[in-house]
Amino acid sequence: MTRYFKVQVVFFFRLIVGIIFVYASWDKIAHPAEFAKAIGNYHAVPFGLENMMAMVLPWVEFLVGIGLIVGIMVDGAAIMSVVMNIVFIFAISQALARGISIECGCFSVTAEGGDKIGLGTIVRDIVYLAMSLVILNRQERRLEFFPKSI
């Protein structure tokens, strides 16, 4: 692959993952109580932490998405994207392994009949994880503000 093509792929991945995180955060920011219920349905977080997570996680998703889209501190945003996707994959996997049939809470926490968790949800998050790893391991740091100095 040419250097130009690699830069374009990384930029495209930044836009895709960034837009996904911003879109995913929007409904959660608007409805933190519903998101706290969705977190509680996974039965993976100690009781009482759902509310704190429902207040913090959507804003982290939003800031990561904006960072990736605009190109601000892309290394930090990519690291957070990798970590969050690993956590999402683990949470969905443990719920499936325990036989819990719940709505994902990934993009909409208020819609009736939202996305049920399943193998497709895990595969989707693995794709987002792979895209985030490509962003993190990029060589060129064009179209970025405050890049990590090498």
C-alpha atoms as a PDB file:
ATOM      1  CA  MET A   1       0.000   0.000   0.000  1.00  0.00           C
ATOM      2  CA  THR A   2       1.153   3.488  -0.681  1.00  0.00           C
ATOM      3  CA  ARG A   3       1.731   5.928   2.131  1.00  0.00           C
ATOM      4  CA  TYR A   4      -1.099   8.133   0.836  1.00  0.00           C
ATOM      5  CA  PHE A   5      -3.531   5.205   0.861  1.00  0.00           C
ATOM      6  CA  LYS A   6      -2.583   4.285   4.439  1.00  0.00           C
ATOM      7  CA  VAL A   7      -3.168   7.863   5.597  1.00  0.00           C
ATOM      8  CA  GLN A   8      -6.590   7.868   3.937  1.00  0.00           C
ATOM      9  CA  VAL A   9      -7.574   4.531   5.510  1.00  0.00           C
ATOM     10  CA  VAL A  10      -6.610   5.754   8.981  1.00  0.00           C
ATOM     11  CA  PHE A  11      -8.509   9.017   8.447  1.00  0.00           C
ATOM     12  CA  PHE A  12     -11.566   7.063   7.225  1.00  0.00           C
ATOM     13  CA  PHE A  13     -11.390   4.774  10.286  1.00  0.00           C
ATOM     14  CA  ARG A  14     -11.090   7.830  12.551  1.00  0.00           C
ATOM     15  CA  LEU A  15     -14.238   9.300  11.031  1.00  0.00           C
ATOM     16  CA  ILE A  16     -16.211   6.046  11.211  1.00  0.00           C
ATOM     17  CA  VAL A  17     -15.263   5.181  14.800  1.00  0.00           C
ATOM     18  CA  GLY A  18     -15.641   8.812  15.887  1.00  0.00           C
ATOM     19  CA  ILE A  19     -19.112   9.161  14.391  1.00  0.00           C
ATOM     20  CA  ILE A  20     -20.162   5.853  15.951  1.00  0.00           C
ATOM     21  CA  PHE A  21     -19.034   6.976  19.408  1.00  0.00           C
ATOM     22  CA  VAL A  22     -20.727  10.382  19.112  1.00  0.00           C
ATOM     23  CA  TYR A  23     -23.936   8.762  17.843  1.00  0.00           C
ATOM     24  CA  ALA A  24     -23.841   6.117  20.587  1.00  0.00           C
ATOM     25  CA  SER A  25     -23.399   8.754  23.298  1.00  0.00           C
ATOM     26  CA  TRP A  26     -26.226  11.035  22.226  1.00  0.00           C
ATOM     27  CA  ASP A  27     -29.238   9.132  23.597  1.00  0.00           C
ATOM     28  CA  LYS A  28     -27.329   8.033  26.698  1.00  0.00           C
ATOM     29  CA  ILE A  29     -26.450  11.632  27.567  1.00  0.00           C
ATOM     30  CA  ALA A  30     -30.093  12.657  27.126  1.00  0.00           C
ATOM     31  CA  HIS A  31     -31.456   9.734  29.201  1.00  0.00           C
ATOM     32  CA  PRO A  32     -28.952   8.737  31.921  1.00  0.00           C
ATOM     33  CA  ALA A  33     -31.568   6.958  34.054  1.00  0.00           C
ATOM     34  CA  GLU A  34     -32.520   4.640  31.191  1.00  0.00           C
ATOM     35  CA  PHE A  35     -28.851   4.002  30.463  1.00  0.00           C
ATOM     36  CA  ALA A  36     -28.252   3.136  34.137  1.00  0.00           C
ATOM     37  CA  LYS A  37     -31.015   0.514  33.840  1.00  0.00           C
ATOM     38  CA  ALA A  38     -29.387  -0.889  30.689  1.00  0.00           C
ATOM     39  CA  ILE A  39     -26.047  -1.152  32.517  1.00  0.00           C
ATOM     40  CA  GLY A  40     -27.742  -2.866  35.462  1.00  0.00           C
ATOM     41  CA  ASN A  41     -29.296  -5.457  33.145  1.00  0.00           C
ATOM     42  CA  TYR A  42     -25.834  -6.873  32.407  1.00  0.00           C
ATOM     43  CA  HIS A  43     -25.388  -7.828  36.089  1.00  0.00           C
ATOM     44  CA  ALA A  44     -21.656  -7.132  35.768  1.00  0.00           C
ATOM     45  CA  VAL A  45     -21.267  -3.944  37.779  1.00  0.00           C
ATOM     46  CA  PRO A  46     -21.578  -3.774  41.575  1.00  0.00           C
ATOM     47  CA  PHE A  47     -24.905  -2.313  42.681  1.00  0.00           C
ATOM     48  CA  GLY A  48     -24.786   1.465  42.889  1.00  0.00           C
ATOM     49  CA  LEU A  49     -22.099   2.003  40.248  1.00  0.00           C
ATOM     50  CA  GLU A  50     -24.624   1.940  37.413  1.00  0.00           C
ATOM     51  CA  ASN A  51     -25.625   5.542  38.069  1.00  0.00           C
ATOM     52  CA  MET A  52     -22.058   6.812  38.094  1.00  0.00           C
ATOM     53  CA  MET A  53     -21.234   4.879  34.928  1.00  0.00           C
ATOM     54  CA  ALA A  54     -24.397   6.180  33.251  1.00  0.00           C
ATOM     55  CA  MET A  55     -23.281   9.730  33.975  1.00  0.00           C
ATOM     56  CA  VAL A  56     -19.619   9.351  32.975  1.00  0.00           C
ATOM     57  CA  LEU A  57     -19.421   6.774  30.163  1.00  0.00           C
ATOM     58  CA  PRO A  58     -21.554   8.632  27.576  1.00  0.00           C
ATOM     59  CA  TRP A  59     -19.471  11.777  27.989  1.00  0.00           C
ATOM     60  CA  VAL A  60     -16.260   9.771  27.600  1.00  0.00           C
ATOM     61  CA  GLU A  61     -17.712   8.208  24.442  1.00  0.00           C
ATOM     62  CA  PHE A  62     -18.654  11.662  23.170  1.00  0.00           C
ATOM     63  CA  LEU A  63     -15.213  13.156  23.848  1.00  0.00           C
ATOM     64  CA  VAL A  64     -13.437  10.157  22.285  1.00  0.00           C
ATOM     65  CA  GLY A  65     -15.634  10.480  19.203  1.00  0.00           C
ATOM     66  CA  ILE A  66     -14.989  14.220  18.874  1.00  0.00           C
ATOM     67  CA  GLY A  67     -11.253  13.673  19.379  1.00  0.00           C
ATOM     68  CA  LEU A  68     -11.152  11.090  16.594  1.00  0.00           C
ATOM     69  CA  ILE A  69     -13.270  13.147  14.189  1.00  0.00           C
ATOM     70  CA  VAL A  70     -11.523  16.478  14.724  1.00  0.00           C
ATOM     71  CA  GLY A  71      -8.060  14.990  15.247  1.00  0.00           C
ATOM     72  CA  ILE A  72      -7.464  16.246  18.769  1.00  0.00           C
ATOM     73  CA  MET A  73      -5.215  14.011  20.884  1.00  0.00           C
ATOM     74  CA  VAL A  74      -5.860  11.051  18.592  1.00  0.00           C
ATOM     75  CA  ASP A  75      -3.520   8.743  20.522  1.00  0.00           C
ATOM     76  CA  GLY A  76      -5.480   9.180  23.738  1.00  0.00           C
ATOM     77  CA  ALA A  77      -8.811   8.890  21.951  1.00  0.00           C
ATOM     78  CA  ALA A  78      -7.653   5.720  20.177  1.00  0.00           C
ATOM     79  CA  ILE A  79      -6.444   4.169  23.454  1.00  0.00           C
ATOM     80  CA  MET A  80      -9.787   4.951  25.098  1.00  0.00           C
ATOM     81  CA  SER A  81     -11.615   3.538  22.082  1.00  0.00           C
ATOM     82  CA  VAL A  82      -9.621   0.297  22.305  1.00  0.00           C
ATOM     83  CA  VAL A  83     -10.252  -0.009  26.055  1.00  0.00           C
ATOM     84  CA  MET A  84     -13.965   0.742  25.770  1.00  0.00           C
ATOM     85  CA  ASN A  85     -14.446  -1.744  22.927  1.00  0.00           C
ATOM     86  CA  ILE A  86     -12.675  -4.457  24.933  1.00  0.00           C
ATOM     87  CA  VAL A  87     -14.943  -3.714  27.903  1.00  0.00           C
ATOM     88  CA  PHE A  88     -18.037  -3.749  25.659  1.00  0.00           C
ATOM     89  CA  ILE A  89     -17.001  -7.093  24.128  1.00  0.00           C
ATOM     90  CA  PHE A  90     -16.390  -8.558  27.579  1.00  0.00           C
ATOM     91  CA  ALA A  91     -19.717  -7.282  28.965  1.00  0.00           C
ATOM     92  CA  ILE A  92     -21.729  -8.642  26.063  1.00  0.00           C
ATOM     93  CA  SER A  93     -19.841 -11.951  26.073  1.00  0.00           C
ATOM     94  CA  GLN A  94     -20.369 -12.555  29.784  1.00  0.00           C
ATOM     95  CA  ALA A  95     -24.077 -11.752  29.479  1.00  0.00           C
ATOM     96  CA  LEU A  96     -24.434 -14.188  26.574  1.00  0.00           C
ATOM     97  CA  ALA A  97     -22.446 -16.865  28.400  1.00  0.00           C
ATOM     98  CA  ARG A  98     -24.747 -16.530  31.402  1.00  0.00           C
ATOM     99  CA  GLY A  99     -27.848 -16.746  29.204  1.00  0.00           C
ATOM    100  CA  ILE A 100     -29.005 -13.193  29.850  1.00  0.00           C
ATOM    101  CA  SER A 101     -31.219 -11.958  26.995  1.00  0.00           C
ATOM    102  CA  ILE A 102     -31.208  -8.168  27.108  1.00  0.00           C
ATOM    103  CA  GLU A 103     -31.164  -5.156  24.855  1.00  0.00           C
ATOM    104  CA  CYS A 104     -27.688  -3.895  24.135  1.00  0.00           C
ATOM    105  CA  GLY A 105     -28.077  -0.285  25.257  1.00  0.00           C
ATOM    106  CA  CYS A 106     -25.415   0.531  22.677  1.00  0.00           C
ATOM    107  CA  PHE A 107     -27.081   3.211  20.579  1.00  0.00           C
ATOM    108  CA  SER A 108     -30.538   3.838  22.004  1.00  0.00           C
ATOM    109  CA  VAL A 109     -31.655   3.311  25.566  1.00  0.00           C
ATOM    110  CA  THR A 110     -35.197   4.603  25.109  1.00  0.00           C
ATOM    111  CA  ALA A 111     -36.384   2.805  21.965  1.00  0.00           C
ATOM    112  CA  GLU A 112     -38.724  -0.112  22.525  1.00  0.00           C
ATOM    113  CA  GLY A 113     -37.483  -3.301  20.911  1.00  0.00           C
ATOM    114  CA  GLY A 114     -33.872  -2.127  20.672  1.00  0.00           C
ATOM    115  CA  ASP A 115     -30.985  -4.288  19.555  1.00  0.00           C
ATOM    116  CA  LYS A 116     -30.734  -7.564  21.455  1.00  0.00           C
ATOM    117  CA  ILE A 117     -27.241  -8.693  22.329  1.00  0.00           C
ATOM    118  CA  GLY A 118     -25.870 -11.571  20.310  1.00  0.00           C
ATOM    119  CA  LEU A 119     -22.952 -12.814  18.306  1.00  0.00           C
ATOM    120  CA  GLY A 120     -23.521 -10.035  15.762  1.00  0.00           C
ATOM    121  CA  THR A 121     -23.061  -7.424  18.489  1.00  0.00           C
ATOM    122  CA  ILE A 122     -19.746  -8.979  19.491  1.00  0.00           C
ATOM    123  CA  VAL A 123     -18.542  -9.169  15.883  1.00  0.00           C
ATOM    124  CA  ARG A 124     -19.520  -5.527  15.331  1.00  0.00           C
ATOM    125  CA  ASP A 125     -17.526  -4.462  18.381  1.00  0.00           C
ATOM    126  CA  ILE A 126     -14.544  -6.562  17.265  1.00  0.00           C
ATOM    127  CA  VAL A 127     -14.591  -4.685  13.941  1.00  0.00           C
ATOM    128  CA  TYR A 128     -14.642  -1.367  15.831  1.00  0.00           C
ATOM    129  CA  LEU A 129     -11.786  -2.658  18.002  1.00  0.00           C
ATOM    130  CA  ALA A 130      -9.741  -3.574  14.923  1.00  0.00           C
ATOM    131  CA  MET A 131     -10.357  -0.141  13.409  1.00  0.00           C
ATOM    132  CA  SER A 132      -9.296   1.493  16.688  1.00  0.00           C
ATOM    133  CA  LEU A 133      -6.098  -0.568  16.752  1.00  0.00           C
ATOM    134  CA  VAL A 134      -5.276   0.560  13.194  1.00  0.00           C
ATOM    135  CA  ILE A 135      -5.755   4.164  14.304  1.00  0.00           C
ATOM    136  CA  LEU A 136      -3.568   3.629  17.360  1.00  0.00           C
ATOM    137  CA  ASN A 137      -0.765   1.973  15.375  1.00  0.00           C
ATOM    138  CA  ARG A 138      -0.687   4.495  12.517  1.00  0.00           C
ATOM    139  CA  GLN A 139       2.662   5.807  11.272  1.00  0.00           C
ATOM    140  CA  GLU A 140       1.569   9.140   9.813  1.00  0.00           C
ATOM    141  CA  ARG A 141       0.161  11.798  12.082  1.00  0.00           C
ATOM    142  CA  ARG A 142      -1.394  14.131   9.545  1.00  0.00           C
ATOM    143  CA  LEU A 143      -4.613  16.035  10.083  1.00  0.00           C
ATOM    144  CA  GLU A 144      -4.108  15.958  13.855  1.00  0.00           C
ATOM    145  CA  PHE A 145      -3.832  18.552  16.597  1.00  0.00           C
ATOM    146  CA  PHE A 146      -1.607  17.896  19.602  1.00  0.00           C
ATOM    147  CA  PRO A 147      -0.074  14.668  18.283  1.00  0.00           C
ATOM    148  CA  LYS A 148       2.116  12.641  20.585  1.00  0.00           C
ATOM    149  CA  SER A 149       5.727  13.624  19.972  1.00  0.00           C
ATOM    150  CA  ILE A 150       7.951  10.767  18.967  1.00  0.00           C
END
